[in-house]
Structure formats: structure tokens, C-alpha cells
Amino acid sequence: MLRKIDKHSGIPAYLQIMNQIKSEILLGNLKAESQLPPVRELESIFDVNVNTILKALDKLKNEGFLVSEQGIGYFVAKNTSIDPQITDEIRKLVSELKVKGLDLYTSLLLFEEVWKNEKF
């Protein structure tokens, strides 16, 4: 569910928008080839100006998450889905971390350190 950005978070608005849209795509809430709401509607949802919306959408397009059709709008790209098993594993891990009393920021720090140090 797309929601208003936090203007006091210290995170640029366009990045918050990108992260929200990416999350919706990766979680399967926005399906491949589905159309995003019109830019003016996104402007209202996120409560930012149209240039900020366009910057976020353009960057998502460059990253391969979106495609656009002139005069029609933005669509979720075809190859953006994630294996549902990965999402299930993440949910299980998050549940375990919460049960053990770890907060989000500590969990992210641990995840980042393991990610950097694991050899594949």
C-alpha cells in the first residue's frame, strides 16, 4: 500500500517513493505488467511535487523495475518478481528476530555485516 512519505525522516522523498514502489513490486502487491496510478494521483498519495515523483519513477525505470509508454503511463517490468520462497524465509527470520527481542536497526546491522563477510 502506497502511503504519504515522511518529510522529517532525513531520507530524500524520491528515495522513499522508490523504496515504497520497489517493496510493493518485490512483495507481489504490484504485479508484472500492471500499471501504476497516474503521476498526478501519485503526487496526491505521496504528498510531494510532480518533479519528485518523476525523478523516482525515472530512477526505477533505469533500475529495471518499471517501463513507460509515452502518453499512457508507467508499468511494472516483466522480470521483477522474487521467488515467494525467499519472502517466506525472510518472514520466518523476522519472526525469530522479533521473538528474540532484536530491533529492526540491530537486525539490519547484523544482516549487512553477514552479507559483507560471507563468501559465496
C-alpha atoms as a PDB file:
ATOM      1  CA  MET A   1       0.000   0.000   0.000  1.00  0.00           C
ATOM      2  CA  LEU A   2       1.499   3.296  -1.082  1.00  0.00           C
ATOM      3  CA  ARG A   3       1.423   5.989   1.585  1.00  0.00           C
ATOM      4  CA  LYS A   4       2.481   9.553   2.278  1.00  0.00           C
ATOM      5  CA  ILE A   5       6.244   9.986   2.674  1.00  0.00           C
ATOM      6  CA  ASP A   6       7.854  11.130   5.913  1.00  0.00           C
ATOM      7  CA  LYS A   7       9.205  14.608   5.225  1.00  0.00           C
ATOM      8  CA  HIS A   8      11.095  14.630   8.539  1.00  0.00           C
ATOM      9  CA  SER A   9      12.949  11.316   8.183  1.00  0.00           C
ATOM     10  CA  GLY A  10      16.113  12.747   6.661  1.00  0.00           C
ATOM     11  CA  ILE A  11      15.716  10.365   3.706  1.00  0.00           C
ATOM     12  CA  PRO A  12      15.118  12.163   0.387  1.00  0.00           C
ATOM     13  CA  ALA A  13      11.500  11.986  -0.753  1.00  0.00           C
ATOM     14  CA  TYR A  14      12.335  10.397  -4.098  1.00  0.00           C
ATOM     15  CA  LEU A  15      14.197   7.559  -2.308  1.00  0.00           C
ATOM     16  CA  GLN A  16      11.251   6.944  -0.004  1.00  0.00           C
ATOM     17  CA  ILE A  17       8.979   6.756  -3.045  1.00  0.00           C
ATOM     18  CA  MET A  18      11.362   4.397  -4.827  1.00  0.00           C
ATOM     19  CA  ASN A  19      11.575   2.155  -1.762  1.00  0.00           C
ATOM     20  CA  GLN A  20       7.809   2.010  -1.373  1.00  0.00           C
ATOM     21  CA  ILE A  21       7.240   1.103  -5.017  1.00  0.00           C
ATOM     22  CA  LYS A  22      10.091  -1.441  -5.012  1.00  0.00           C
ATOM     23  CA  SER A  23       8.673  -3.060  -1.877  1.00  0.00           C
ATOM     24  CA  GLU A  24       5.224  -3.339  -3.415  1.00  0.00           C
ATOM     25  CA  ILE A  25       6.736  -4.944  -6.517  1.00  0.00           C
ATOM     26  CA  LEU A  26       9.008  -7.347  -4.640  1.00  0.00           C
ATOM     27  CA  LEU A  27       6.246  -8.403  -2.260  1.00  0.00           C
ATOM     28  CA  GLY A  28       3.986  -9.117  -5.217  1.00  0.00           C
ATOM     29  CA  ASN A  29       1.443  -6.399  -4.456  1.00  0.00           C
ATOM     30  CA  LEU A  30       2.241  -4.745  -7.788  1.00  0.00           C
ATOM     31  CA  LYS A  31       2.301  -7.484 -10.422  1.00  0.00           C
ATOM     32  CA  ALA A  32       4.393  -7.616 -13.584  1.00  0.00           C
ATOM     33  CA  GLU A  33       2.909  -5.506 -16.374  1.00  0.00           C
ATOM     34  CA  SER A  34       0.404  -3.816 -14.049  1.00  0.00           C
ATOM     35  CA  GLN A  35       0.034  -0.078 -14.457  1.00  0.00           C
ATOM     36  CA  LEU A  36       0.951   2.333 -11.688  1.00  0.00           C
ATOM     37  CA  PRO A  37      -1.519   5.061 -10.811  1.00  0.00           C
ATOM     38  CA  PRO A  38      -1.158   8.228 -12.918  1.00  0.00           C
ATOM     39  CA  VAL A  39       1.613  10.640 -11.881  1.00  0.00           C
ATOM     40  CA  ARG A  40      -0.922  13.201 -10.617  1.00  0.00           C
ATOM     41  CA  GLU A  41      -2.529  10.564  -8.405  1.00  0.00           C
ATOM     42  CA  LEU A  42       0.898   9.523  -7.082  1.00  0.00           C
ATOM     43  CA  GLU A  43       1.568  13.196  -6.365  1.00  0.00           C
ATOM     44  CA  SER A  44      -1.520  13.219  -4.174  1.00  0.00           C
ATOM     45  CA  ILE A  45      -0.716   9.880  -2.477  1.00  0.00           C
ATOM     46  CA  PHE A  46       2.864  10.794  -1.591  1.00  0.00           C
ATOM     47  CA  ASP A  47       2.124  14.490  -0.991  1.00  0.00           C
ATOM     48  CA  VAL A  48       5.140  15.726  -2.980  1.00  0.00           C
ATOM     49  CA  ASN A  49       5.519  17.679  -6.200  1.00  0.00           C
ATOM     50  CA  VAL A  50       5.351  16.058  -9.617  1.00  0.00           C
ATOM     51  CA  ASN A  51       9.089  16.508 -10.270  1.00  0.00           C
ATOM     52  CA  THR A  52       9.905  14.362  -7.226  1.00  0.00           C
ATOM     53  CA  ILE A  53       7.538  11.652  -8.493  1.00  0.00           C
ATOM     54  CA  LEU A  54       9.056  11.756 -11.963  1.00  0.00           C
ATOM     55  CA  LYS A  55      12.588  11.538 -10.542  1.00  0.00           C
ATOM     56  CA  ALA A  56      11.668   8.423  -8.540  1.00  0.00           C
ATOM     57  CA  LEU A  57       9.885   6.792 -11.482  1.00  0.00           C
ATOM     58  CA  ASP A  58      12.758   7.571 -13.845  1.00  0.00           C
ATOM     59  CA  LYS A  59      15.287   6.012 -11.460  1.00  0.00           C
ATOM     60  CA  LEU A  60      13.078   2.922 -11.040  1.00  0.00           C
ATOM     61  CA  LYS A  61      12.881   2.704 -14.821  1.00  0.00           C
ATOM     62  CA  ASN A  62      16.692   2.903 -15.063  1.00  0.00           C
ATOM     63  CA  GLU A  63      16.987   0.140 -12.437  1.00  0.00           C
ATOM     64  CA  GLY A  64      14.667  -2.086 -14.494  1.00  0.00           C
ATOM     65  CA  PHE A  65      11.695  -2.104 -12.128  1.00  0.00           C
ATOM     66  CA  LEU A  66       9.436  -0.031 -14.383  1.00  0.00           C
ATOM     67  CA  VAL A  67       8.819   0.599 -18.050  1.00  0.00           C
ATOM     68  CA  SER A  68       6.927   3.525 -19.509  1.00  0.00           C
ATOM     69  CA  GLU A  69       4.784   4.133 -22.554  1.00  0.00           C
ATOM     70  CA  GLN A  70       4.627   7.692 -23.809  1.00  0.00           C
ATOM     71  CA  GLY A  71       1.249   9.208 -23.030  1.00  0.00           C
ATOM     72  CA  ILE A  72      -0.015   6.058 -21.310  1.00  0.00           C
ATOM     73  CA  GLY A  73       1.931   5.702 -18.080  1.00  0.00           C
ATOM     74  CA  TYR A  74       4.314   3.568 -16.061  1.00  0.00           C
ATOM     75  CA  PHE A  75       4.104  -0.207 -15.769  1.00  0.00           C
ATOM     76  CA  VAL A  76       5.831  -2.808 -13.623  1.00  0.00           C
ATOM     77  CA  ALA A  77       8.520  -4.519 -15.684  1.00  0.00           C
ATOM     78  CA  LYS A  78       8.125  -8.199 -16.542  1.00  0.00           C
ATOM     79  CA  ASN A  79      11.220  -9.569 -14.798  1.00  0.00           C
ATOM     80  CA  THR A  80      10.829  -8.118 -11.316  1.00  0.00           C
ATOM     81  CA  SER A  81       9.292 -10.973  -9.371  1.00  0.00           C
ATOM     82  CA  ILE A  82      11.028 -12.693  -6.479  1.00  0.00           C
ATOM     83  CA  ASP A  83      10.635 -16.338  -5.624  1.00  0.00           C
ATOM     84  CA  PRO A  84       7.871 -16.471  -2.962  1.00  0.00           C
ATOM     85  CA  GLN A  85      10.002 -18.954  -1.015  1.00  0.00           C
ATOM     86  CA  ILE A  86      12.543 -16.172  -0.383  1.00  0.00           C
ATOM     87  CA  THR A  87       9.837 -13.910   1.022  1.00  0.00           C
ATOM     88  CA  ASP A  88       8.611 -16.759   3.232  1.00  0.00           C
ATOM     89  CA  GLU A  89      12.142 -17.361   4.552  1.00  0.00           C
ATOM     90  CA  ILE A  90      12.547 -13.660   5.317  1.00  0.00           C
ATOM     91  CA  ARG A  91       9.231 -13.637   7.183  1.00  0.00           C
ATOM     92  CA  LYS A  92      10.361 -16.612   9.280  1.00  0.00           C
ATOM     93  CA  LEU A  93      13.685 -14.941  10.065  1.00  0.00           C
ATOM     94  CA  VAL A  94      11.986 -11.678  11.030  1.00  0.00           C
ATOM     95  CA  SER A  95       9.632 -13.579  13.351  1.00  0.00           C
ATOM     96  CA  GLU A  96      12.594 -15.276  15.039  1.00  0.00           C
ATOM     97  CA  LEU A  97      14.447 -11.970  15.440  1.00  0.00           C
ATOM     98  CA  LYS A  98      11.378 -10.331  16.991  1.00  0.00           C
ATOM     99  CA  VAL A  99      10.841 -13.237  19.386  1.00  0.00           C
ATOM    100  CA  LYS A 100      14.467 -12.921  20.488  1.00  0.00           C
ATOM    101  CA  GLY A 101      13.954  -9.182  21.084  1.00  0.00           C
ATOM    102  CA  LEU A 102      16.153  -7.774  18.326  1.00  0.00           C
ATOM    103  CA  ASP A 103      15.009  -4.442  16.920  1.00  0.00           C
ATOM    104  CA  LEU A 104      14.944  -3.521  13.243  1.00  0.00           C
ATOM    105  CA  TYR A 105      18.150  -1.480  13.249  1.00  0.00           C
ATOM    106  CA  THR A 106      20.194  -4.126  15.061  1.00  0.00           C
ATOM    107  CA  SER A 107      18.825  -6.774  12.716  1.00  0.00           C
ATOM    108  CA  LEU A 108      19.728  -4.681   9.670  1.00  0.00           C
ATOM    109  CA  LEU A 109      23.231  -4.118  11.028  1.00  0.00           C
ATOM    110  CA  LEU A 110      23.708  -7.856  11.552  1.00  0.00           C
ATOM    111  CA  PHE A 111      22.312  -8.642   8.122  1.00  0.00           C
ATOM    112  CA  GLU A 112      24.628  -6.110   6.488  1.00  0.00           C
ATOM    113  CA  GLU A 113      27.716  -7.435   8.291  1.00  0.00           C
ATOM    114  CA  VAL A 114      26.923 -11.047   7.410  1.00  0.00           C
ATOM    115  CA  TRP A 115      26.227 -10.024   3.799  1.00  0.00           C
ATOM    116  CA  LYS A 116      29.583  -8.244   3.508  1.00  0.00           C
ATOM    117  CA  ASN A 117      31.590 -11.024   5.127  1.00  0.00           C
ATOM    118  CA  GLU A 118      30.048 -14.156   3.600  1.00  0.00           C
ATOM    119  CA  LYS A 119      31.985 -15.728   0.738  1.00  0.00           C
ATOM    120  CA  PHE A 120      29.874 -17.342  -1.991  1.00  0.00           C
END
